Amino acid sequence: MQNTLSSKRALEIIENFSRSRVLVVGDIMTDHFIWGTVSRISPEAPVPVVEVKKESFMLGGSANVFHNILSVGGQAMLSGVIGSDETGGRLLDYLRDLGLDAKGIIVEKGRPTTLKTRIVAHGQQVVRFDREERRAITEKTVRAIVSYVESVRDGLGALVISDYNKGVVVPPLLDAVKRELSGRGVVTCVDPKQRDFSFYRGFDIITPNHQEACVAAGEEMHNGDDCVKVGIKLLKQNDFKALLMTRGEEGISLFERTADRKQIRHTAFPTRAREVFDVTGAGDTVIGVLALSLAAGASLREAAYLANHAAGVVVGKVGTSTVTQEELKRDL
């Protein structure tokens, strides 16, 4: 199956990005990076001593999906939950500086803003520690998010559900969002974290990585044939229109139903990365560019092609990263 795209058609789609609106709903997180060097082992325990040189805060989770859509030139909106803490305040300031209308950001008291701290030395992650709360959001918060979705649904081209299993993506929210967007022609995409993909029934496209796909299918994956087996099995078990599987250094695989829904087509896209430094956030880039491309009028294969190129750019960077429209054009 053809997995290429002419430069002319690619640029046509990219030129439509600025007129395309995508809403991201899900688990908002902050990625905290502490950068340093290691030259000795601690005398207290057999662990490296990291001499800190700098630190940085970056958008993570659904906020990183939002940032990728914005960075590549699309119109992006975001809805999710933060806590009434210092991390939440810093994150909200960052989002507002990017031009976000923060009406979709709900502050839930007593709940910490998800913060993932990674210590990186010489380009390699040494350790990560998390501050988070994974309990389900309250009914009041669900209603607030749904109300925001209702307020921005007109003219929406695509929706991304970004599930990091931090308590925002719950059945009442998914059911209400589906009702709000039903019959409006909005393409709905899900980045899953649940082991049972039937949890996301009723959405159009699901984008698991290969480990998540294996767990959901109850299968092991050792080669390309296993990948095809897993992808087809998951699409047959669930009622999605398509499944896009990210496979790290192997690229991505797209499984889509034919128009009559009687067959499943598989298209493999080899990795575009020249050198892989860090896969942190690459899945966010894939689903963000995929959804934006679909909102801009691309077919599934065209959108997957562009998403694969975008991922090839971000894995060449260290830390949670985004791809700009200029970088994507250069890579194409």
Protein backbone atom coordinates (compact mmCIF):
# COMPACT_ATOMS: atom_id res chain seq x y z
CA MET A 1 0.00 0.00 0.00
CA GLN A 2 1.39 3.42 -0.96
CA ASN A 3 2.99 5.25 1.95
CA THR A 4 4.39 8.33 0.20
CA LEU A 5 3.00 11.79 -0.47
CA SER A 6 3.92 14.32 -3.16
CA SER A 7 5.53 17.56 -1.98
CA LYS A 8 2.71 19.53 -3.60
CA ARG A 9 -0.03 17.63 -1.74
CA ALA A 10 1.90 17.74 1.55
CA LEU A 11 2.23 21.51 1.31
CA GLU A 12 -1.47 21.87 0.43
CA ILE A 13 -2.39 20.10 3.66
CA ILE A 14 0.13 22.07 5.72
CA GLU A 15 -1.17 25.35 4.28
CA ASN A 16 -4.61 24.40 5.64
CA PHE A 17 -3.27 23.95 9.20
CA SER A 18 -3.85 27.60 10.11
CA ARG A 19 -7.56 27.25 9.26
CA SER A 20 -8.05 23.97 11.15
CA ARG A 21 -9.28 23.71 14.76
CA VAL A 22 -8.44 20.83 17.10
CA LEU A 23 -9.62 20.39 20.68
CA VAL A 24 -7.48 18.33 23.07
CA VAL A 25 -9.13 16.85 26.17
CA GLY A 26 -7.23 14.80 28.72
CA ASP A 27 -4.55 14.59 31.37
CA ILE A 28 -2.55 17.81 31.63
CA MET A 29 0.97 17.30 32.96
CA THR A 30 4.19 19.23 33.52
CA ASP A 31 7.53 17.71 32.55
CA HIS A 32 10.37 18.95 34.77
CA PHE A 33 13.90 18.28 33.54
CA ILE A 34 17.03 18.59 35.70
CA TRP A 35 20.12 18.62 33.49
CA GLY A 36 23.59 17.82 34.78
CA THR A 37 26.78 15.80 34.55
CA VAL A 38 28.11 12.74 36.34
CA SER A 39 31.77 12.34 37.24
CA ARG A 40 31.64 10.21 40.38
CA ILE A 41 29.68 7.64 42.36
CA SER A 42 28.23 8.55 45.74
CA PRO A 43 30.16 7.22 48.77
CA GLU A 44 26.79 6.78 50.53
CA ALA A 45 25.26 4.36 48.01
CA PRO A 46 26.15 2.88 44.57
CA VAL A 47 24.41 5.69 42.68
CA PRO A 48 25.75 8.43 40.40
CA VAL A 49 26.13 11.94 41.76
CA VAL A 50 24.56 14.41 39.33
CA GLU A 51 26.03 17.91 39.34
CA VAL A 52 23.07 20.08 38.33
CA LYS A 53 23.74 22.60 35.55
CA LYS A 54 20.21 23.79 34.73
CA GLU A 55 16.54 22.83 34.93
CA SER A 56 13.54 23.40 32.70
CA PHE A 57 9.77 22.98 32.78
CA MET A 58 7.88 21.78 29.69
CA LEU A 59 4.28 20.98 28.85
CA GLY A 60 3.48 17.28 29.10
CA GLY A 61 0.60 14.89 28.47
CA SER A 62 -2.40 16.48 26.75
CA ALA A 63 -0.75 19.90 27.12
CA ASN A 64 2.12 18.64 24.95
CA VAL A 65 -0.37 17.45 22.31
CA PHE A 66 -1.88 20.96 22.37
CA HIS A 67 1.59 22.52 22.10
CA ASN A 68 2.50 20.33 19.10
CA ILE A 69 -0.66 21.34 17.22
CA LEU A 70 0.03 24.99 17.98
CA SER A 71 3.72 24.75 17.12
CA VAL A 72 3.07 23.21 13.70
CA GLY A 73 0.65 26.01 12.83
CA GLY A 74 -2.81 24.75 13.81
CA GLN A 75 -5.57 26.28 15.92
CA ALA A 76 -5.52 24.39 19.23
CA MET A 77 -7.73 24.35 22.30
CA LEU A 78 -7.18 22.45 25.54
CA SER A 79 -9.35 21.19 28.37
CA GLY A 80 -8.26 19.29 31.43
CA VAL A 81 -7.51 19.55 35.15
CA ILE A 82 -4.78 21.12 37.27
CA GLY A 83 -4.37 21.56 41.00
CA SER A 84 -4.39 24.77 43.03
CA ASP A 85 -0.63 24.54 43.56
CA GLU A 86 2.56 26.24 42.40
CA THR A 87 3.03 23.80 39.52
CA GLY A 88 -0.51 24.43 38.30
CA GLY A 89 -0.02 28.19 38.44
CA ARG A 90 3.25 27.99 36.52
CA LEU A 91 1.67 25.71 33.92
CA LEU A 92 -1.33 28.02 33.50
CA ASP A 93 0.96 31.02 32.98
CA TYR A 94 2.89 29.08 30.33
CA LEU A 95 -0.31 28.12 28.50
CA ARG A 96 -1.61 31.69 28.57
CA ASP A 97 1.72 32.94 27.20
CA LEU A 98 1.11 30.60 24.24
CA GLY A 99 -2.23 32.33 23.66
CA LEU A 100 -4.54 29.75 25.22
CA ASP A 101 -7.98 30.86 26.35
CA ALA A 102 -7.85 28.98 29.65
CA LYS A 103 -11.63 28.55 30.07
CA GLY A 104 -11.23 24.80 29.54
CA ILE A 105 -8.65 24.41 32.31
CA ILE A 106 -10.41 23.32 35.49
CA VAL A 107 -8.77 23.78 38.90
CA GLU A 108 -9.72 20.95 41.27
CA LYS A 109 -8.84 21.71 44.87
CA GLY A 110 -7.02 18.98 46.80
CA ARG A 111 -5.63 17.48 43.62
CA PRO A 112 -1.96 18.05 42.74
CA THR A 113 -0.97 19.09 39.24
CA THR A 114 0.76 16.08 37.68
CA LEU A 115 4.51 16.70 37.68
CA LYS A 116 7.10 14.32 36.23
CA THR A 117 10.69 15.13 37.11
CA ARG A 118 13.46 13.59 35.03
CA ILE A 119 17.15 13.88 35.88
CA VAL A 120 19.25 13.80 32.71
CA ALA A 121 23.03 13.53 32.58
CA HIS A 122 25.09 13.45 29.38
CA GLY A 123 21.92 13.11 27.32
CA GLN A 124 20.72 10.03 29.25
CA GLN A 125 17.87 9.84 31.75
CA VAL A 126 19.18 8.79 35.16
CA VAL A 127 15.94 8.61 37.14
CA ARG A 128 12.37 9.90 37.10
CA PHE A 129 10.04 10.66 39.99
CA ASP A 130 6.36 11.59 39.78
CA ARG A 131 3.97 13.73 41.81
CA GLU A 132 0.42 12.83 40.84
CA GLU A 133 -3.10 11.82 41.85
CA ARG A 134 -4.83 9.17 39.75
CA ARG A 135 -8.27 9.17 41.31
CA ALA A 136 -11.22 10.00 39.03
CA ILE A 137 -12.16 13.65 38.66
CA THR A 138 -15.35 14.80 40.37
CA GLU A 139 -18.77 14.96 38.70
CA LYS A 140 -18.57 18.75 38.94
CA THR A 141 -15.30 18.74 36.99
CA VAL A 142 -16.77 16.43 34.35
CA ARG A 143 -19.69 18.84 33.87
CA ALA A 144 -17.30 21.79 33.57
CA ILE A 145 -15.23 20.09 30.86
CA VAL A 146 -18.34 19.02 28.94
CA SER A 147 -19.69 22.56 29.14
CA TYR A 148 -16.46 23.83 27.62
CA VAL A 149 -16.63 21.24 24.81
CA GLU A 150 -20.17 22.41 24.04
CA SER A 151 -19.00 26.04 23.88
CA VAL A 152 -16.24 25.38 21.29
CA ARG A 153 -17.72 22.57 19.20
CA ASP A 154 -18.88 24.78 16.29
CA GLY A 155 -16.27 24.77 13.52
CA LEU A 156 -14.23 22.06 15.21
CA GLY A 157 -12.32 19.81 12.80
CA ALA A 158 -10.93 17.17 15.15
CA LEU A 159 -10.90 16.07 18.78
CA VAL A 160 -8.04 14.38 20.62
CA ILE A 161 -8.63 12.39 23.80
CA SER A 162 -5.22 12.21 25.49
CA ASP A 163 -5.42 9.55 28.19
CA TYR A 164 -2.47 9.20 30.55
CA ASN A 165 -4.52 7.35 33.18
CA LYS A 166 -4.41 10.25 35.67
CA GLY A 167 -8.16 10.29 36.31
CA VAL A 168 -9.51 12.78 33.76
CA VAL A 169 -10.54 10.36 31.01
CA VAL A 170 -13.46 8.59 32.70
CA PRO A 171 -16.56 6.95 31.15
CA PRO A 172 -19.02 9.77 32.05
CA LEU A 173 -16.73 12.28 30.33
CA LEU A 174 -16.23 10.13 27.22
CA ASP A 175 -19.96 9.47 26.88
CA ALA A 176 -20.84 13.16 27.25
CA VAL A 177 -18.17 14.29 24.75
CA LYS A 178 -19.43 11.77 22.18
CA ARG A 179 -22.96 13.12 22.60
CA GLU A 180 -21.81 16.73 22.19
CA LEU A 181 -19.96 15.99 18.94
CA SER A 182 -22.32 13.42 17.43
CA GLY A 183 -23.31 14.17 13.84
CA ARG A 184 -21.00 17.18 13.53
CA GLY A 185 -18.37 15.59 11.28
CA VAL A 186 -15.63 15.99 13.86
CA VAL A 187 -12.84 13.39 13.57
CA THR A 188 -12.24 11.88 17.02
CA CYS A 189 -8.83 10.44 17.94
CA VAL A 190 -7.73 8.67 21.14
CA ASP A 191 -4.27 8.11 22.61
CA PRO A 192 -5.10 5.20 24.97
CA LYS A 193 -3.83 4.06 28.34
CA GLN A 194 -6.54 1.56 29.30
CA ARG A 195 -5.73 -2.11 28.74
CA ASP A 196 -9.20 -2.76 27.26
CA PHE A 197 -9.74 -0.62 24.16
CA SER A 198 -13.51 -1.12 24.32
CA PHE A 199 -13.30 1.65 26.93
CA TYR A 200 -12.98 4.05 23.95
CA ARG A 201 -15.77 2.58 21.83
CA GLY A 202 -17.50 5.15 19.63
CA PHE A 203 -14.39 7.14 18.74
CA ASP A 204 -12.90 7.07 15.23
CA ILE A 205 -9.16 6.48 15.54
CA ILE A 206 -6.97 5.00 18.28
CA THR A 207 -3.18 5.49 18.41
CA PRO A 208 -1.50 3.00 20.82
CA ASN A 209 2.22 2.34 20.93
CA HIS A 210 3.26 -1.24 20.21
CA GLN A 211 3.46 -2.23 23.90
CA GLU A 212 -0.06 -0.94 24.58
CA ALA A 213 -1.34 -2.73 21.48
CA CYS A 214 0.22 -6.02 22.57
CA VAL A 215 -1.34 -5.80 26.04
CA ALA A 216 -4.77 -4.94 24.62
CA ALA A 217 -4.60 -7.79 22.10
CA GLY A 218 -3.10 -10.32 24.51
CA GLU A 219 -0.37 -11.05 21.98
CA GLU A 220 3.40 -10.77 21.72
CA MET A 221 5.11 -8.86 18.93
CA HIS A 222 8.51 -9.88 17.56
CA ASN A 223 8.37 -8.78 13.93
CA GLY A 224 6.31 -7.07 11.22
CA ASP A 225 4.01 -10.06 10.76
CA ASP A 226 3.15 -10.00 14.47
CA CYS A 227 2.42 -6.28 14.18
CA VAL A 228 -0.06 -6.90 11.37
CA LYS A 229 -1.70 -9.69 13.37
CA VAL A 230 -2.11 -7.47 16.45
CA GLY A 231 -3.37 -4.47 14.50
CA ILE A 232 -5.99 -6.44 12.58
CA LYS A 233 -7.13 -8.25 15.73
CA LEU A 234 -7.65 -5.01 17.66
CA LEU A 235 -9.54 -3.37 14.81
CA LYS A 236 -11.79 -6.40 14.43
CA GLN A 237 -12.48 -6.52 18.17
CA ASN A 238 -13.40 -2.84 18.34
CA ASP A 239 -15.47 -0.54 16.16
CA PHE A 240 -12.80 2.04 15.34
CA LYS A 241 -12.44 3.28 11.78
CA ALA A 242 -8.68 3.04 12.06
CA LEU A 243 -5.80 2.14 14.36
CA LEU A 244 -2.40 3.80 14.11
CA MET A 245 0.34 1.95 16.00
CA THR A 246 3.58 3.73 16.87
CA ARG A 247 6.51 1.31 16.85
CA GLY A 248 9.51 3.35 18.00
CA GLU A 249 12.48 2.88 15.71
CA GLU A 250 10.34 0.72 13.40
CA GLY A 251 8.13 3.68 12.44
CA ILE A 252 4.33 3.50 12.49
CA SER A 253 1.67 1.17 11.10
CA LEU A 254 -1.78 2.27 9.98
CA PHE A 255 -4.72 -0.14 9.93
CA GLU A 256 -7.91 1.22 8.36
CA ARG A 257 -11.25 -0.22 7.31
CA THR A 258 -12.29 -0.08 3.68
CA ALA A 259 -15.32 2.03 2.74
CA ASP A 260 -17.59 -1.03 2.93
CA ARG A 261 -15.97 -1.93 6.30
CA LYS A 262 -15.45 -5.52 5.10
CA GLN A 263 -11.66 -5.40 4.84
CA ILE A 264 -8.74 -3.93 6.77
CA ARG A 265 -5.84 -2.28 4.96
CA HIS A 266 -2.35 -2.07 6.48
CA THR A 267 0.18 0.61 5.53
CA ALA A 268 3.66 0.67 7.08
CA PHE A 269 5.61 3.91 7.41
CA PRO A 270 9.33 3.38 8.18
CA THR A 271 10.87 5.70 10.76
CA ARG A 272 11.98 9.10 9.47
CA ALA A 273 14.39 9.75 12.35
CA ARG A 274 18.03 10.21 11.35
CA GLU A 275 19.10 9.54 14.93
CA VAL A 276 16.96 8.76 17.98
CA PHE A 277 17.93 10.69 21.14
CA ASP A 278 14.70 10.66 23.17
CA VAL A 279 11.22 9.26 22.46
CA THR A 280 9.62 11.29 25.31
CA GLY A 281 6.46 12.88 23.96
CA ALA A 282 6.76 11.38 20.46
CA GLY A 283 3.29 9.84 20.76
CA ASP A 284 1.90 13.30 21.57
CA THR A 285 3.43 14.63 18.36
CA VAL A 286 1.99 11.76 16.31
CA ILE A 287 -1.60 12.16 17.48
CA GLY A 288 -1.42 15.96 17.40
CA VAL A 289 -0.18 16.16 13.80
CA LEU A 290 -2.45 13.28 12.76
CA ALA A 291 -5.57 15.02 14.10
CA LEU A 292 -4.57 18.40 12.70
CA SER A 293 -3.87 16.90 9.26
CA LEU A 294 -7.27 15.17 9.23
CA ALA A 295 -8.94 18.45 10.24
CA ALA A 296 -7.07 20.09 7.34
CA GLY A 297 -8.58 17.67 4.82
CA ALA A 298 -5.95 14.92 4.64
CA SER A 299 -6.85 11.27 4.16
CA LEU A 300 -5.82 8.82 6.88
CA ARG A 301 -2.73 7.72 4.97
CA GLU A 302 -1.74 11.30 4.19
CA ALA A 303 -2.19 12.27 7.84
CA ALA A 304 -0.18 9.24 9.01
CA TYR A 305 2.61 10.13 6.59
CA LEU A 306 2.87 13.68 7.95
CA ALA A 307 2.63 12.48 11.56
CA ASN A 308 5.49 10.03 10.93
CA HIS A 309 7.71 12.81 9.57
CA ALA A 310 6.86 15.02 12.56
CA ALA A 311 7.76 12.22 15.00
CA GLY A 312 11.04 11.73 13.17
CA VAL A 313 11.93 15.33 13.99
CA VAL A 314 11.06 15.29 17.72
CA VAL A 315 12.86 12.03 18.59
CA GLY A 316 16.04 13.71 17.39
CA LYS A 317 15.72 16.16 20.30
CA VAL A 318 16.29 15.55 24.03
CA GLY A 319 13.35 16.12 26.36
CA THR A 320 9.66 16.68 25.70
CA SER A 321 9.69 18.45 22.35
CA THR A 322 7.50 19.85 19.62
CA VAL A 323 7.93 20.19 15.86
CA THR A 324 7.55 23.50 14.08
CA GLN A 325 5.96 23.93 10.66
CA GLU A 326 9.34 24.98 9.24
CA GLU A 327 11.01 21.81 10.61
CA LEU A 328 8.27 19.63 9.16
CA LYS A 329 8.59 21.27 5.74
CA ARG A 330 12.37 20.85 5.78
CA ASP A 331 12.05 17.17 6.74
CA LEU A 332 9.56 16.60 3.91
